[in-house]
Amino acid sequence: MRHSDWHTRWIHLARTFCPLAVAVCLTMLMPSLNRLTPDSGMTDQDPPLASVSVHSLIATYAREYALDPALLQAVIKVESNFNPRAVSSKGALGLMQLMPLTAAAFHVLDPFDPDDNIRAGAALLRRLMDRFGGDLPLALAAYHAGERRVSQAAGAESLPGTQIYVERVLRHYNHFMADKTLPTVWSGRISRQDQPLSAARQMSE
């Protein structure tokens, strides 16, 4: 085998197995992976972060995954209150509270890195929006409780904790869309028939 071929294969293997190894280590160090109820118990007490850099990342990945930046802001607000070092008692990590196995699935090496965390969280939310046909409340419910559980329950109504979570996110979403004092981080439009405003209003009223 030529040296260049060996080097290329080694890099490929490292990229494949490093996220998995990180997930295994985090799983061993964290408690239960179940996230079925809202959890505000964060073990890290650093002050919340809402810096220009985080808003810039929100804008970048909102554009990349065709999401409203106000929606990403709302999810981050509810999940971690903009604290990139947040760790819940259930083992969720970082700004968008990724579970270790989810982080591994989206090739996140450091879930406390805002760039990696927001990228993976936005990618997951985009996938869930597509999975549930652009139904924002269902996508948010699946983000919180898991895609399979929400599908089996046929919605969030039979999952009280998840329904509360969805209502909180939508309430913050409406606030961020209406608050003109927030930084302007995105000037695009939601695509793929994802216009969520009417659904958000119905859930929050």
Protein backbone atom coordinates (compact mmCIF):
# COMPACT_ATOMS: atom_id res chain seq x y z
CA MET A 1 0.00 0.00 0.00
CA ARG A 2 1.37 3.43 -0.91
CA HIS A 3 2.01 5.82 1.94
CA SER A 4 -0.53 8.34 0.59
CA ASP A 5 -3.25 5.65 0.46
CA TRP A 6 -2.55 4.62 4.05
CA HIS A 7 -2.64 8.23 5.18
CA THR A 8 -5.96 8.87 3.45
CA ARG A 9 -7.55 5.76 4.95
CA TRP A 10 -6.26 6.65 8.41
CA ILE A 11 -7.85 10.13 8.20
CA HIS A 12 -11.14 8.56 7.07
CA LEU A 13 -11.13 6.09 9.97
CA ALA A 14 -10.28 8.81 12.47
CA ARG A 15 -13.15 11.01 11.29
CA THR A 16 -15.52 8.08 11.50
CA PHE A 17 -14.62 6.70 14.92
CA CYS A 18 -13.60 9.83 16.88
CA PRO A 19 -17.19 11.13 17.29
CA LEU A 20 -18.33 7.67 18.34
CA ALA A 21 -15.54 7.42 20.91
CA VAL A 22 -16.46 10.86 22.27
CA ALA A 23 -20.11 9.82 22.55
CA VAL A 24 -19.21 6.62 24.41
CA CYS A 25 -17.04 8.50 26.88
CA LEU A 26 -19.71 11.15 27.47
CA THR A 27 -22.38 8.51 27.87
CA MET A 28 -20.32 6.77 30.54
CA LEU A 29 -19.83 10.04 32.40
CA MET A 30 -23.39 11.28 32.14
CA PRO A 31 -26.57 10.03 33.83
CA SER A 32 -29.69 8.83 32.01
CA LEU A 33 -30.07 9.77 28.35
CA ASN A 34 -33.83 10.14 28.67
CA ARG A 35 -35.17 13.66 27.99
CA LEU A 36 -38.92 13.34 28.30
CA THR A 37 -39.63 16.24 30.66
CA PRO A 38 -38.43 19.84 30.73
CA ASP A 39 -35.29 20.10 32.75
CA SER A 40 -33.86 23.36 34.01
CA GLY A 41 -31.16 21.83 36.18
CA MET A 42 -27.90 22.86 34.58
CA THR A 43 -24.74 21.76 36.34
CA ASP A 44 -22.60 24.55 34.93
CA GLN A 45 -23.28 27.93 36.50
CA ASP A 46 -21.39 30.12 34.03
CA PRO A 47 -23.34 33.23 32.99
CA PRO A 48 -25.51 32.83 29.89
CA LEU A 49 -23.83 33.71 26.60
CA ALA A 50 -25.65 35.79 23.98
CA SER A 51 -22.68 37.26 22.14
CA VAL A 52 -22.46 38.58 18.63
CA SER A 53 -20.52 35.45 17.66
CA VAL A 54 -23.39 33.19 18.72
CA HIS A 55 -25.89 35.35 16.80
CA SER A 56 -23.59 35.12 13.79
CA LEU A 57 -23.53 31.32 14.04
CA ILE A 58 -27.31 31.28 14.34
CA ALA A 59 -27.53 33.35 11.16
CA THR A 60 -25.09 31.09 9.33
CA TYR A 61 -26.78 27.81 10.15
CA ALA A 62 -30.29 29.19 9.84
CA ARG A 63 -29.42 30.11 6.28
CA GLU A 64 -27.68 26.79 5.60
CA TYR A 65 -30.59 24.67 6.85
CA ALA A 66 -33.42 26.96 5.68
CA LEU A 67 -34.64 27.78 9.18
CA ASP A 68 -35.80 31.03 10.73
CA PRO A 69 -32.99 32.36 12.97
CA ALA A 70 -35.63 33.42 15.49
CA LEU A 71 -36.59 29.75 15.78
CA LEU A 72 -33.01 28.70 16.53
CA GLN A 73 -32.76 31.52 19.07
CA ALA A 74 -35.94 30.29 20.74
CA VAL A 75 -34.74 26.69 20.95
CA ILE A 76 -31.41 27.78 22.41
CA LYS A 77 -33.17 30.07 24.89
CA VAL A 78 -35.34 27.25 26.22
CA GLU A 79 -32.68 24.55 26.05
CA SER A 80 -29.71 26.32 27.64
CA ASN A 81 -30.52 30.02 28.10
CA PHE A 82 -27.57 30.74 25.76
CA ASN A 83 -25.06 29.01 28.06
CA PRO A 84 -22.58 27.06 25.88
CA ARG A 85 -21.31 25.11 28.91
CA ALA A 86 -24.76 23.96 30.03
CA VAL A 87 -25.15 20.32 31.07
CA SER A 88 -28.58 19.07 32.09
CA SER A 89 -29.21 16.41 34.71
CA LYS A 90 -30.26 14.13 31.83
CA GLY A 91 -26.89 14.48 30.09
CA ALA A 92 -27.77 16.99 27.36
CA LEU A 93 -24.89 19.26 26.38
CA GLY A 94 -24.24 22.77 25.18
CA LEU A 95 -26.34 25.52 23.63
CA MET A 96 -28.87 23.27 21.89
CA GLN A 97 -28.60 20.53 24.54
CA LEU A 98 -27.43 17.68 22.32
CA MET A 99 -27.49 14.19 23.76
CA PRO A 100 -24.12 12.40 23.38
CA LEU A 101 -25.40 9.91 20.82
CA THR A 102 -27.04 12.69 18.82
CA ALA A 103 -23.81 14.67 18.87
CA ALA A 104 -21.95 11.62 17.58
CA ALA A 105 -24.49 11.06 14.82
CA PHE A 106 -23.85 14.60 13.55
CA HIS A 107 -20.06 14.28 13.87
CA VAL A 108 -19.70 16.70 16.77
CA LEU A 109 -16.30 16.34 18.41
CA ASP A 110 -16.89 19.03 21.06
CA PRO A 111 -20.54 19.60 22.04
CA PHE A 112 -19.48 22.65 24.06
CA ASP A 113 -18.15 24.37 20.95
CA PRO A 114 -20.94 26.78 19.89
CA ASP A 115 -20.17 26.33 16.20
CA ASP A 116 -20.36 22.53 16.29
CA ASN A 117 -23.34 22.53 18.64
CA ILE A 118 -25.51 24.97 16.69
CA ARG A 119 -24.62 23.28 13.40
CA ALA A 120 -25.74 19.89 14.67
CA GLY A 121 -28.84 21.25 16.40
CA ALA A 122 -29.92 23.11 13.28
CA ALA A 123 -29.29 20.03 11.12
CA LEU A 124 -31.38 17.91 13.49
CA LEU A 125 -34.20 20.43 13.53
CA ARG A 126 -34.14 20.64 9.73
CA ARG A 127 -34.38 16.85 9.49
CA LEU A 128 -37.31 16.78 11.90
CA MET A 129 -39.09 19.56 10.00
CA ASP A 130 -38.76 17.49 6.82
CA ARG A 131 -39.79 14.30 8.62
CA PHE A 132 -43.03 15.88 9.90
CA GLY A 133 -43.90 17.74 6.72
CA GLY A 134 -43.04 21.22 8.02
CA ASP A 135 -45.23 20.86 11.12
CA LEU A 136 -43.29 23.02 13.55
CA PRO A 137 -44.95 21.89 16.82
CA LEU A 138 -44.38 18.23 15.90
CA ALA A 139 -40.78 18.90 14.92
CA LEU A 140 -40.14 20.66 18.23
CA ALA A 141 -41.83 17.84 20.13
CA ALA A 142 -39.55 15.34 18.40
CA TYR A 143 -36.51 17.51 19.18
CA HIS A 144 -37.44 17.27 22.85
CA ALA A 145 -38.83 13.77 23.28
CA GLY A 146 -37.42 11.91 20.32
CA GLU A 147 -38.75 11.22 16.84
CA ARG A 148 -39.97 7.69 17.54
CA ARG A 149 -41.80 8.59 20.74
CA VAL A 150 -43.63 11.50 19.13
CA SER A 151 -44.59 9.35 16.14
CA GLN A 152 -45.95 6.63 18.40
CA ALA A 153 -47.85 9.18 20.50
CA ALA A 154 -49.26 10.84 17.36
CA GLY A 155 -48.29 14.28 18.65
CA ALA A 156 -47.31 16.07 21.83
CA GLU A 157 -50.75 16.16 23.46
CA SER A 158 -50.21 12.82 25.20
CA LEU A 159 -46.75 13.96 26.38
CA PRO A 160 -47.50 16.77 28.85
CA GLY A 161 -43.89 17.69 29.53
CA THR A 162 -43.14 17.86 25.83
CA GLN A 163 -46.25 19.94 25.16
CA ILE A 164 -45.08 22.47 27.75
CA TYR A 165 -41.66 22.53 26.07
CA VAL A 166 -43.20 23.17 22.65
CA GLU A 167 -45.36 26.00 23.99
CA ARG A 168 -42.34 27.62 25.65
CA VAL A 169 -40.28 27.49 22.46
CA LEU A 170 -43.13 28.93 20.38
CA ARG A 171 -43.70 31.69 22.91
CA HIS A 172 -40.02 32.70 22.72
CA TYR A 173 -40.12 32.31 18.94
CA ASN A 174 -42.94 34.84 18.65
CA HIS A 175 -41.06 37.14 21.04
CA PHE A 176 -37.83 37.00 19.04
CA MET A 177 -39.69 37.61 15.78
CA ALA A 178 -41.51 40.63 17.27
CA ASP A 179 -38.63 42.14 19.24
CA LYS A 180 -37.08 44.74 16.93
CA THR A 181 -34.24 45.39 19.40
CA LEU A 182 -32.68 42.02 18.65
CA PRO A 183 -29.72 41.97 16.24
CA THR A 184 -30.69 41.41 12.62
CA VAL A 185 -28.96 38.14 11.86
CA TRP A 186 -30.77 36.90 8.74
CA SER A 187 -32.63 38.44 5.84
CA GLY A 188 -33.77 35.32 4.00
CA ARG A 189 -37.08 33.48 3.95
CA ILE A 190 -38.04 30.03 5.14
CA SER A 191 -38.25 27.58 2.27
CA ARG A 192 -39.74 24.12 1.71
CA GLN A 193 -43.24 25.22 2.77
CA ASP A 194 -42.09 25.77 6.35
CA GLN A 195 -43.87 29.05 7.15
CA PRO A 196 -44.40 28.47 10.91
CA LEU A 197 -46.05 31.72 12.05
CA SER A 198 -49.65 30.52 11.97
CA ALA A 199 -48.84 27.26 13.78
CA ALA A 200 -46.77 29.15 16.33
CA ARG A 201 -49.63 31.55 17.02
CA GLN A 202 -52.12 28.72 17.38
CA MET A 203 -49.93 26.93 19.93
CA SER A 204 -49.12 30.05 21.95
CA GLU A 205 -52.63 31.52 22.12
